């Protein structure tokens, strides 16, 4: 049975803040095997694509069939209206180390095409001053402190606390993905 385009976007291999990997596909849910195990390679062989995210970057991996009938994996990252592509090899060569190395290389390639004043880490001054509003909450980063404002209170988080909050929220993304199916 062919995998649909929408399902491809929900098939993920993501590095958690603790360094472990969360492996998920819409057909089987969360996978319990370890990356680089025999089950990993069996699972990969049954995929046509997946989204990879690590501390080094992210990309979409696609398995493509060549004229002689052989299949190979390629990594794609679209950034700043430009598509970056890198060869990954056949399924037996798709290890976590190779995926992390590819994520870092694609990230570096994408950043090299940005003019310095447009690097993604340079947020517009308006966003820095106004912060981010979500419902009745406002988040504002100022001089190394994250202010979380409600209509009646204001709480401040230092860099370490803000990093812990972001890590927690990123890990909760897994629960959202599980509920999509």
N, C-alpha and C. Protein backbone atom coordinates (compact mmCIF):
# COMPACT_ATOMS: atom_id res chain seq x y z
N UNK A 1 0.85 -1.18 0.00
CA UNK A 1 0.00 0.00 0.00
C UNK A 1 0.89 1.24 0.00
N UNK A 2 0.65 2.13 -0.91
CA UNK A 2 1.48 3.35 -1.03
C UNK A 2 1.17 4.30 0.11
N UNK A 3 2.20 4.98 0.57
CA UNK A 3 2.04 5.94 1.65
C UNK A 3 1.55 7.26 1.06
N UNK A 4 0.57 7.88 1.70
CA UNK A 4 0.03 9.14 1.18
C UNK A 4 0.99 10.28 1.48
N UNK A 5 0.84 11.38 0.74
CA UNK A 5 1.69 12.54 0.92
C UNK A 5 1.52 13.14 2.31
N UNK A 6 0.30 13.21 2.81
CA UNK A 6 0.06 13.78 4.12
C UNK A 6 0.73 12.95 5.22
N UNK A 7 0.68 11.63 5.10
CA UNK A 7 1.29 10.76 6.11
C UNK A 7 2.79 10.98 6.16
N UNK A 8 3.42 11.25 5.04
CA UNK A 8 4.86 11.47 4.98
C UNK A 8 5.27 12.58 5.93
N UNK A 9 4.49 13.63 6.01
CA UNK A 9 4.83 14.75 6.86
C UNK A 9 4.73 14.40 8.33
N UNK A 10 3.99 13.37 8.67
CA UNK A 10 3.83 12.97 10.06
C UNK A 10 4.74 11.82 10.46
N UNK A 11 5.55 11.33 9.55
CA UNK A 11 6.53 10.29 9.87
C UNK A 11 7.80 11.02 10.30
N UNK A 12 8.19 10.84 11.56
CA UNK A 12 9.28 11.64 12.10
C UNK A 12 10.29 10.81 12.86
N UNK A 13 11.51 11.32 12.84
CA UNK A 13 12.59 10.85 13.70
C UNK A 13 13.12 12.12 14.33
N UNK A 14 12.90 12.29 15.63
CA UNK A 14 13.25 13.54 16.32
C UNK A 14 14.10 13.27 17.54
N UNK A 15 15.14 14.07 17.68
CA UNK A 15 15.98 13.99 18.87
C UNK A 15 15.33 14.80 19.99
N UNK A 16 15.17 14.17 21.14
CA UNK A 16 14.62 14.84 22.31
C UNK A 16 15.71 15.60 23.04
N UNK A 17 15.32 16.42 23.98
CA UNK A 17 16.29 17.23 24.72
C UNK A 17 17.28 16.37 25.49
N UNK A 18 16.89 15.14 25.85
CA UNK A 18 17.81 14.26 26.57
C UNK A 18 18.73 13.47 25.64
N UNK A 19 18.62 13.71 24.33
CA UNK A 19 19.49 13.05 23.36
C UNK A 19 18.91 11.78 22.77
N UNK A 20 17.83 11.24 23.35
CA UNK A 20 17.20 10.05 22.79
C UNK A 20 16.40 10.43 21.55
N UNK A 21 15.95 9.41 20.82
CA UNK A 21 15.19 9.68 19.59
C UNK A 21 13.77 9.16 19.70
N UNK A 22 12.85 9.98 19.23
CA UNK A 22 11.42 9.67 19.14
C UNK A 22 11.16 9.30 17.68
N UNK A 23 10.68 8.09 17.45
CA UNK A 23 10.42 7.60 16.10
C UNK A 23 8.92 7.34 16.00
N UNK A 24 8.28 7.95 15.00
CA UNK A 24 6.83 7.88 14.89
C UNK A 24 6.42 7.81 13.42
N UNK A 25 5.43 6.95 13.15
CA UNK A 25 4.79 6.99 11.84
C UNK A 25 3.29 6.79 12.04
N UNK A 26 2.48 7.39 11.17
CA UNK A 26 1.03 7.35 11.35
C UNK A 26 0.45 5.94 11.31
N UNK A 27 1.10 5.03 10.60
CA UNK A 27 0.57 3.67 10.50
C UNK A 27 0.83 2.85 11.76
N UNK A 28 1.99 3.01 12.37
CA UNK A 28 2.35 2.19 13.53
C UNK A 28 2.45 2.94 14.83
N UNK A 29 2.29 4.26 14.81
CA UNK A 29 2.42 5.05 16.03
C UNK A 29 3.88 5.18 16.45
N UNK A 30 4.09 5.38 17.75
CA UNK A 30 5.46 5.52 18.26
C UNK A 30 6.15 4.18 18.20
N UNK A 31 7.36 4.18 17.68
CA UNK A 31 8.16 2.97 17.58
C UNK A 31 9.03 2.84 18.82
N UNK A 32 9.26 1.63 19.27
CA UNK A 32 10.02 1.41 20.50
C UNK A 32 11.44 0.92 20.26
N UNK A 33 11.79 0.63 19.02
CA UNK A 33 13.15 0.14 18.74
C UNK A 33 14.14 1.30 18.76
N UNK A 34 15.41 0.95 18.87
CA UNK A 34 16.48 1.94 18.89
C UNK A 34 16.97 2.22 17.48
N UNK A 35 17.38 3.46 17.23
CA UNK A 35 18.00 3.76 15.94
C UNK A 35 19.23 2.87 15.75
N UNK A 36 19.52 2.56 14.51
CA UNK A 36 20.66 1.74 14.09
C UNK A 36 20.50 0.26 14.44
N UNK A 37 19.36 -0.14 14.99
CA UNK A 37 19.11 -1.55 15.28
C UNK A 37 18.58 -2.24 14.01
N UNK A 38 18.55 -3.57 13.99
CA UNK A 38 17.96 -4.25 12.82
C UNK A 38 16.53 -3.81 12.54
N UNK A 39 15.74 -3.55 13.62
CA UNK A 39 14.36 -3.09 13.43
C UNK A 39 14.32 -1.71 12.78
N UNK A 40 15.30 -0.87 13.09
CA UNK A 40 15.43 0.46 12.49
C UNK A 40 15.53 0.35 10.97
N UNK A 41 16.43 -0.50 10.51
CA UNK A 41 16.65 -0.63 9.06
C UNK A 41 15.44 -1.27 8.37
N UNK A 42 14.76 -2.19 9.05
CA UNK A 42 13.53 -2.77 8.50
C UNK A 42 12.46 -1.70 8.38
N UNK A 43 12.32 -0.89 9.43
CA UNK A 43 11.34 0.20 9.42
C UNK A 43 11.64 1.19 8.30
N UNK A 44 12.91 1.58 8.18
CA UNK A 44 13.30 2.52 7.12
C UNK A 44 12.99 1.98 5.73
N UNK A 45 13.25 0.71 5.52
CA UNK A 45 13.02 0.11 4.20
C UNK A 45 11.56 0.17 3.79
N UNK A 46 10.67 0.26 4.77
CA UNK A 46 9.23 0.32 4.49
C UNK A 46 8.72 1.75 4.32
N UNK A 47 9.56 2.73 4.55
CA UNK A 47 9.18 4.14 4.42
C UNK A 47 9.56 4.65 3.03
N UNK A 48 8.86 5.66 2.60
CA UNK A 48 9.25 6.36 1.38
C UNK A 48 9.85 7.72 1.72
N UNK A 49 9.56 8.19 2.94
CA UNK A 49 10.10 9.47 3.38
C UNK A 49 9.83 9.66 4.87
N UNK A 50 10.54 10.60 5.47
CA UNK A 50 10.32 10.96 6.86
C UNK A 50 10.97 12.31 7.11
N UNK A 51 10.56 12.92 8.20
CA UNK A 51 11.16 14.20 8.59
C UNK A 51 12.12 13.92 9.74
N UNK A 52 13.36 14.42 9.63
CA UNK A 52 14.39 14.23 10.65
C UNK A 52 14.68 15.55 11.33
N UNK A 53 14.74 15.53 12.67
CA UNK A 53 15.09 16.71 13.45
C UNK A 53 16.08 16.30 14.53
N UNK A 54 17.19 17.04 14.63
CA UNK A 54 18.16 16.82 15.71
C UNK A 54 18.65 18.18 16.17
N UNK A 55 19.55 18.17 17.13
CA UNK A 55 20.12 19.41 17.62
C UNK A 55 20.95 20.10 16.54
N UNK A 56 21.30 19.36 15.48
CA UNK A 56 22.13 19.90 14.40
C UNK A 56 21.33 20.54 13.27
N UNK A 57 20.03 20.28 13.21
CA UNK A 57 19.20 20.82 12.14
C UNK A 57 18.07 19.85 11.81
N UNK A 58 17.45 20.07 10.66
CA UNK A 58 16.33 19.22 10.25
C UNK A 58 16.29 19.14 8.73
N UNK A 59 15.58 18.13 8.22
CA UNK A 59 15.37 17.98 6.78
C UNK A 59 14.31 16.91 6.54
N UNK A 60 13.87 16.82 5.30
CA UNK A 60 12.99 15.75 4.89
C UNK A 60 13.81 14.77 4.08
N UNK A 61 13.74 13.49 4.43
CA UNK A 61 14.44 12.44 3.70
C UNK A 61 13.43 11.75 2.79
N UNK A 62 13.84 11.52 1.54
CA UNK A 62 12.97 10.85 0.57
C UNK A 62 13.73 9.72 -0.10
N UNK A 63 13.04 8.60 -0.24
CA UNK A 63 13.63 7.48 -0.96
C UNK A 63 13.21 7.60 -2.42
N UNK A 64 14.18 7.58 -3.32
CA UNK A 64 13.90 7.75 -4.75
C UNK A 64 14.40 6.54 -5.52
N UNK A 65 13.60 6.12 -6.49
CA UNK A 65 13.95 4.99 -7.34
C UNK A 65 14.65 5.50 -8.59
N UNK A 66 15.79 4.93 -8.89
CA UNK A 66 16.56 5.33 -10.08
C UNK A 66 16.20 4.44 -11.25
N UNK A 67 16.70 4.76 -12.44
CA UNK A 67 16.34 4.06 -13.67
C UNK A 67 16.59 2.56 -13.60
N UNK A 68 17.64 2.14 -12.95
CA UNK A 68 17.95 0.71 -12.87
C UNK A 68 17.13 -0.01 -11.82
N UNK A 69 16.21 0.70 -11.16
CA UNK A 69 15.33 0.09 -10.18
C UNK A 69 15.84 0.15 -8.76
N UNK A 70 17.06 0.61 -8.55
CA UNK A 70 17.61 0.72 -7.21
C UNK A 70 17.05 1.95 -6.52
N UNK A 71 16.95 1.88 -5.19
CA UNK A 71 16.45 3.03 -4.44
C UNK A 71 17.57 3.63 -3.59
N UNK A 72 17.53 4.94 -3.49
CA UNK A 72 18.50 5.69 -2.70
C UNK A 72 17.76 6.79 -1.95
N UNK A 73 18.33 7.18 -0.82
CA UNK A 73 17.75 8.23 0.00
C UNK A 73 18.46 9.55 -0.27
N UNK A 74 17.66 10.63 -0.27
CA UNK A 74 18.17 11.99 -0.41
C UNK A 74 17.55 12.85 0.68
N UNK A 75 18.31 13.82 1.15
CA UNK A 75 17.83 14.76 2.16
C UNK A 75 17.54 16.09 1.49
N UNK A 76 16.42 16.71 1.87
CA UNK A 76 16.01 17.99 1.30
C UNK A 76 15.72 18.99 2.42
N UNK A 77 16.18 20.20 2.21
CA UNK A 77 15.88 21.30 3.12
C UNK A 77 15.60 22.54 2.28
N UNK A 78 14.41 23.10 2.44
CA UNK A 78 14.08 24.34 1.75
C UNK A 78 14.24 25.49 2.72
N UNK A 79 15.09 26.43 2.35
CA UNK A 79 15.34 27.59 3.21
C UNK A 79 15.57 28.80 2.34
N UNK A 80 14.96 29.91 2.72
CA UNK A 80 15.12 31.18 2.01
C UNK A 80 14.83 31.01 0.51
N UNK A 81 13.75 30.29 0.23
CA UNK A 81 13.26 30.03 -1.13
C UNK A 81 14.26 29.27 -1.99
N UNK A 82 15.15 28.51 -1.36
CA UNK A 82 16.11 27.70 -2.11
C UNK A 82 16.09 26.28 -1.55
N UNK A 83 16.08 25.29 -2.45
CA UNK A 83 16.06 23.89 -2.06
C UNK A 83 17.49 23.37 -2.01
N UNK A 84 17.86 22.79 -0.86
CA UNK A 84 19.18 22.19 -0.67
C UNK A 84 18.99 20.68 -0.65
N UNK A 85 19.86 19.95 -1.34
CA UNK A 85 19.71 18.50 -1.48
C UNK A 85 21.05 17.84 -1.18
N UNK A 86 20.99 16.68 -0.49
CA UNK A 86 22.21 15.92 -0.22
C UNK A 86 21.90 14.43 -0.32
N UNK A 87 22.79 13.70 -0.93
CA UNK A 87 22.68 12.25 -1.08
C UNK A 87 22.93 11.58 0.27
N UNK A 88 22.05 10.64 0.64
CA UNK A 88 22.21 9.89 1.89
C UNK A 88 22.71 8.46 1.66
N UNK A 89 22.38 7.87 0.52
CA UNK A 89 22.78 6.49 0.24
C UNK A 89 21.61 5.54 0.31
N UNK A 90 21.93 4.23 0.32
CA UNK A 90 20.86 3.25 0.41
C UNK A 90 20.46 3.07 1.87
N UNK A 91 19.40 2.33 2.10
CA UNK A 91 18.83 2.18 3.44
C UNK A 91 19.86 1.70 4.46
N UNK A 92 20.73 0.78 4.08
CA UNK A 92 21.71 0.23 5.01
C UNK A 92 22.70 1.26 5.52
N UNK A 93 22.81 2.41 4.86
CA UNK A 93 23.75 3.45 5.27
C UNK A 93 23.10 4.56 6.09
N UNK A 94 21.79 4.45 6.34
CA UNK A 94 21.07 5.50 7.05
C UNK A 94 21.17 5.25 8.55
N UNK A 95 22.21 5.77 9.16
CA UNK A 95 22.40 5.67 10.60
C UNK A 95 22.10 7.03 11.23
N UNK A 96 21.92 7.04 12.53
CA UNK A 96 21.69 8.31 13.22
C UNK A 96 22.87 9.24 13.01
N UNK A 97 24.08 8.71 13.06
CA UNK A 97 25.27 9.56 12.85
C UNK A 97 25.25 10.20 11.47
N UNK A 98 24.88 9.44 10.44
CA UNK A 98 24.84 10.01 9.09
C UNK A 98 23.72 11.03 8.96
N UNK A 99 22.59 10.80 9.62
CA UNK A 99 21.49 11.76 9.58
C UNK A 99 21.87 13.06 10.29
N UNK A 100 22.53 12.94 11.44
CA UNK A 100 22.97 14.13 12.16
C UNK A 100 23.99 14.93 11.36
N UNK A 101 24.91 14.22 10.73
CA UNK A 101 25.93 14.88 9.91
C UNK A 101 25.28 15.60 8.73
N UNK A 102 24.30 14.98 8.11
CA UNK A 102 23.59 15.59 6.99
C UNK A 102 22.80 16.82 7.45
N UNK A 103 22.14 16.72 8.60
CA UNK A 103 21.38 17.86 9.13
C UNK A 103 22.31 19.06 9.35
N UNK A 104 23.47 18.81 9.91
CA UNK A 104 24.43 19.89 10.15
C UNK A 104 24.92 20.49 8.83
N UNK A 105 25.21 19.64 7.85
CA UNK A 105 25.71 20.12 6.55
C UNK A 105 24.64 20.93 5.82
N UNK A 106 23.40 20.46 5.83
CA UNK A 106 22.32 21.21 5.17
C UNK A 106 22.05 22.53 5.88
N UNK A 107 22.10 22.51 7.20
CA UNK A 107 21.92 23.74 7.97
C UNK A 107 23.00 24.76 7.61
N UNK A 108 24.24 24.31 7.56
CA UNK A 108 25.35 25.21 7.21
C UNK A 108 25.19 25.72 5.78
N UNK A 109 24.78 24.85 4.87
CA UNK A 109 24.57 25.26 3.48
C UNK A 109 23.47 26.31 3.36
N UNK A 110 22.38 26.09 4.09
CA UNK A 110 21.27 27.04 4.05
C UNK A 110 21.68 28.38 4.63
N UNK A 111 22.39 28.37 5.75
CA UNK A 111 22.81 29.63 6.37
C UNK A 111 23.82 30.38 5.50
N UNK A 112 24.62 29.67 4.73
CA UNK A 112 25.62 30.34 3.90
C UNK A 112 24.98 31.17 2.80
N UNK A 113 23.72 30.91 2.48
CA UNK A 113 23.03 31.64 1.43
C UNK A 113 22.28 32.88 1.94
N UNK A 114 22.22 33.05 3.25
CA UNK A 114 21.54 34.21 3.81
C UNK A 114 22.47 35.41 3.86
N UNK A 115 21.98 36.58 3.48
CA UNK A 115 22.75 37.78 3.78
C UNK A 115 22.80 37.94 5.31
N UNK A 116 23.90 38.43 5.84
CA UNK A 116 24.08 38.49 7.30
C UNK A 116 22.92 39.19 8.00
N UNK A 117 22.39 40.25 7.41
CA UNK A 117 21.31 40.97 8.07
C UNK A 117 19.99 40.21 8.04
N UNK A 118 19.91 39.09 7.29
CA UNK A 118 18.68 38.32 7.22
C UNK A 118 18.80 36.95 7.87
N UNK A 119 19.86 36.70 8.63
CA UNK A 119 20.00 35.42 9.30
C UNK A 119 18.80 35.17 10.20
N UNK A 120 18.33 33.93 10.28
CA UNK A 120 17.12 33.64 11.05
C UNK A 120 17.22 33.99 12.53
N UNK A 121 18.41 34.12 13.08
CA UNK A 121 18.54 34.46 14.49
C UNK A 121 18.35 35.95 14.74
N UNK A 122 18.32 36.75 13.68
CA UNK A 122 18.07 38.19 13.83
C UNK A 122 16.58 38.44 13.68
N UNK A 123 15.87 38.54 14.81
CA UNK A 123 14.43 38.73 14.77
C UNK A 123 14.11 40.20 14.54
N UNK A 124 13.00 40.48 13.90
CA UNK A 124 12.62 41.87 13.68
C UNK A 124 12.53 42.63 15.00
N UNK A 125 12.93 43.88 14.99
CA UNK A 125 12.91 44.69 16.21
C UNK A 125 11.51 44.76 16.80
N UNK A 126 10.48 44.81 15.96
CA UNK A 126 9.11 44.88 16.44
C UNK A 126 8.77 43.69 17.33
N UNK A 127 9.15 42.47 16.90
CA UNK A 127 8.87 41.27 17.68
C UNK A 127 9.62 41.31 19.01
N UNK A 128 10.86 41.78 18.99
CA UNK A 128 11.65 41.86 20.22
C UNK A 128 11.00 42.80 21.22
N UNK A 129 10.47 43.92 20.75
CA UNK A 129 9.88 44.91 21.65
C UNK A 129 8.50 44.49 22.15
N UNK A 130 7.66 43.98 21.26
CA UNK A 130 6.29 43.64 21.61
C UNK A 130 6.14 42.26 22.22
N UNK A 131 7.01 41.34 21.89
CA UNK A 131 6.91 39.99 22.39
C UNK A 131 5.92 39.18 21.58
N UNK A 132 5.51 38.06 22.14
CA UNK A 132 4.58 37.15 21.49
C UNK A 132 3.35 37.01 22.37
N UNK A 133 2.17 37.24 21.79
CA UNK A 133 0.93 37.11 22.54
C UNK A 133 0.20 35.85 22.11
N UNK A 134 -0.17 35.04 23.09
CA UNK A 134 -0.97 33.83 22.86
C UNK A 134 -2.13 33.88 23.83
N UNK A 135 -3.29 34.20 23.33
CA UNK A 135 -4.45 34.36 24.21
C UNK A 135 -4.19 35.51 25.17
N UNK A 136 -4.35 35.23 26.47
CA UNK A 136 -4.14 36.29 27.46
C UNK A 136 -2.69 36.33 27.96
N UNK A 137 -1.82 35.49 27.41
CA UNK A 137 -0.41 35.47 27.81
C UNK A 137 0.44 36.28 26.85
N UNK A 138 1.43 36.96 27.37
CA UNK A 138 2.42 37.66 26.55
C UNK A 138 3.80 37.21 27.00
N UNK A 139 4.65 36.82 26.05
CA UNK A 139 6.02 36.41 26.31
C UNK A 139 6.94 37.46 25.72
N UNK A 140 7.88 37.92 26.52
CA UNK A 140 8.80 38.95 26.03
C UNK A 140 10.19 38.69 26.57
N UNK A 141 11.17 38.62 25.65
CA UNK A 141 12.56 38.40 26.02
C UNK A 141 13.25 39.75 26.12
N UNK A 142 13.92 40.00 27.25
CA UNK A 142 14.59 41.28 27.43
C UNK A 142 15.80 41.10 28.34
N UNK A 143 16.97 41.40 27.81
CA UNK A 143 18.22 41.36 28.59
C UNK A 143 18.43 40.06 29.35
N UNK A 144 18.22 38.93 28.67
CA UNK A 144 18.49 37.63 29.29
C UNK A 144 17.40 37.12 30.21
N UNK A 145 16.25 37.76 30.21
CA UNK A 145 15.14 37.35 31.07
C UNK A 145 13.89 37.22 30.21
N UNK A 146 13.15 36.13 30.41
CA UNK A 146 11.89 35.93 29.71
C UNK A 146 10.76 36.34 30.65
N UNK A 147 10.01 37.36 30.24
CA UNK A 147 8.86 37.81 31.03
C UNK A 147 7.62 37.11 30.49
N UNK A 148 6.85 36.48 31.38
CA UNK A 148 5.59 35.83 31.02
C UNK A 148 4.51 36.62 31.75
N UNK A 149 3.69 37.34 30.96
CA UNK A 149 2.70 38.23 31.54
C UNK A 149 1.30 37.69 31.34
N UNK A 150 0.51 37.73 32.40
CA UNK A 150 -0.92 37.45 32.33
C UNK A 150 -1.62 38.78 32.57
N UNK A 151 -2.94 38.84 32.45
CA UNK A 151 -3.62 40.11 32.71
C UNK A 151 -3.40 40.64 34.13
N UNK A 152 -3.08 39.75 35.08
CA UNK A 152 -2.95 40.19 36.47
C UNK A 152 -1.56 40.02 37.08
N UNK A 153 -0.68 39.25 36.43
CA UNK A 153 0.63 38.94 37.00
C UNK A 153 1.73 38.99 35.95
N UNK A 154 2.96 39.02 36.43
CA UNK A 154 4.12 38.92 35.54
C UNK A 154 5.14 38.01 36.22
N UNK A 155 5.60 37.00 35.51
CA UNK A 155 6.60 36.07 36.02
C UNK A 155 7.85 36.20 35.16
N UNK A 156 9.02 36.03 35.79
CA UNK A 156 10.28 36.17 35.07
C UNK A 156 11.07 34.87 35.14
N UNK A 157 11.60 34.46 34.00
CA UNK A 157 12.42 33.26 33.91
C UNK A 157 13.82 33.66 33.44
N UNK A 158 14.86 33.16 34.12
CA UNK A 158 16.22 33.42 33.66
C UNK A 158 16.52 32.53 32.45
N UNK A 159 17.70 32.65 31.88
CA UNK A 159 18.05 31.88 30.67
C UNK A 159 17.89 30.38 30.88
N UNK A 160 18.35 29.87 32.01
CA UNK A 160 18.27 28.44 32.28
C UNK A 160 16.82 27.99 32.37
N UNK A 161 16.00 28.73 33.09
CA UNK A 161 14.59 28.38 33.21
C UNK A 161 13.88 28.46 31.87
N UNK A 162 14.20 29.48 31.07
CA UNK A 162 13.59 29.62 29.74
C UNK A 162 13.99 28.45 28.86
N UNK A 163 15.26 28.03 28.93
CA UNK A 163 15.72 26.89 28.14
C UNK A 163 15.00 25.61 28.56
N UNK A 164 14.79 25.43 29.86
CA UNK A 164 14.05 24.26 30.35
C UNK A 164 12.61 24.28 29.86
N UNK A 165 11.98 25.45 29.87
CA UNK A 165 10.61 25.58 29.38
C UNK A 165 10.53 25.22 27.89
N UNK A 166 11.46 25.76 27.10
CA UNK A 166 11.46 25.46 25.67
C UNK A 166 11.69 23.98 25.41
N UNK A 167 12.56 23.36 26.16
CA UNK A 167 12.82 21.93 26.03
C UNK A 167 11.56 21.13 26.34
N UNK A 168 10.88 21.50 27.41
CA UNK A 168 9.64 20.83 27.78
C UNK A 168 8.59 20.96 26.68
N UNK A 169 8.40 22.17 26.18
CA UNK A 169 7.40 22.40 25.12
C UNK A 169 7.75 21.63 23.86
N UNK A 170 9.03 21.57 23.53
CA UNK A 170 9.45 20.82 22.33
C UNK A 170 9.13 19.34 22.51
N UNK A 171 9.40 18.80 23.69
CA UNK A 171 9.11 17.39 23.94
C UNK A 171 7.61 17.10 23.90
N UNK A 172 6.77 18.06 24.28
CA UNK A 172 5.32 17.87 24.26
C UNK A 172 4.78 17.79 22.84
N UNK A 173 5.56 18.23 21.87
CA UNK A 173 5.17 18.13 20.46
C UNK A 173 4.89 16.68 20.08
N UNK A 174 5.61 15.76 20.72
CA UNK A 174 5.40 14.33 20.46
C UNK A 174 3.96 13.93 20.76
N UNK A 175 3.44 14.41 21.89
CA UNK A 175 2.07 14.06 22.28
C UNK A 175 1.08 14.58 21.24
N UNK A 176 1.32 15.75 20.71
CA UNK A 176 0.45 16.30 19.67
C UNK A 176 0.48 15.43 18.42
N UNK A 177 1.66 14.97 18.03
CA UNK A 177 1.77 14.12 16.84
C UNK A 177 1.01 12.82 17.04
N UNK A 178 1.08 12.24 18.24
CA UNK A 178 0.37 10.99 18.51
C UNK A 178 -1.14 11.17 18.38
N UNK A 179 -1.64 12.34 18.75
CA UNK A 179 -3.07 12.60 18.73
C UNK A 179 -3.60 12.93 17.33
N UNK A 180 -2.69 13.20 16.38
CA UNK A 180 -3.12 13.52 15.02
C UNK A 180 -3.73 12.30 14.31
N UNK A 181 -3.34 11.13 14.76
CA UNK A 181 -3.79 9.92 14.07
C UNK A 181 -4.90 9.26 14.84
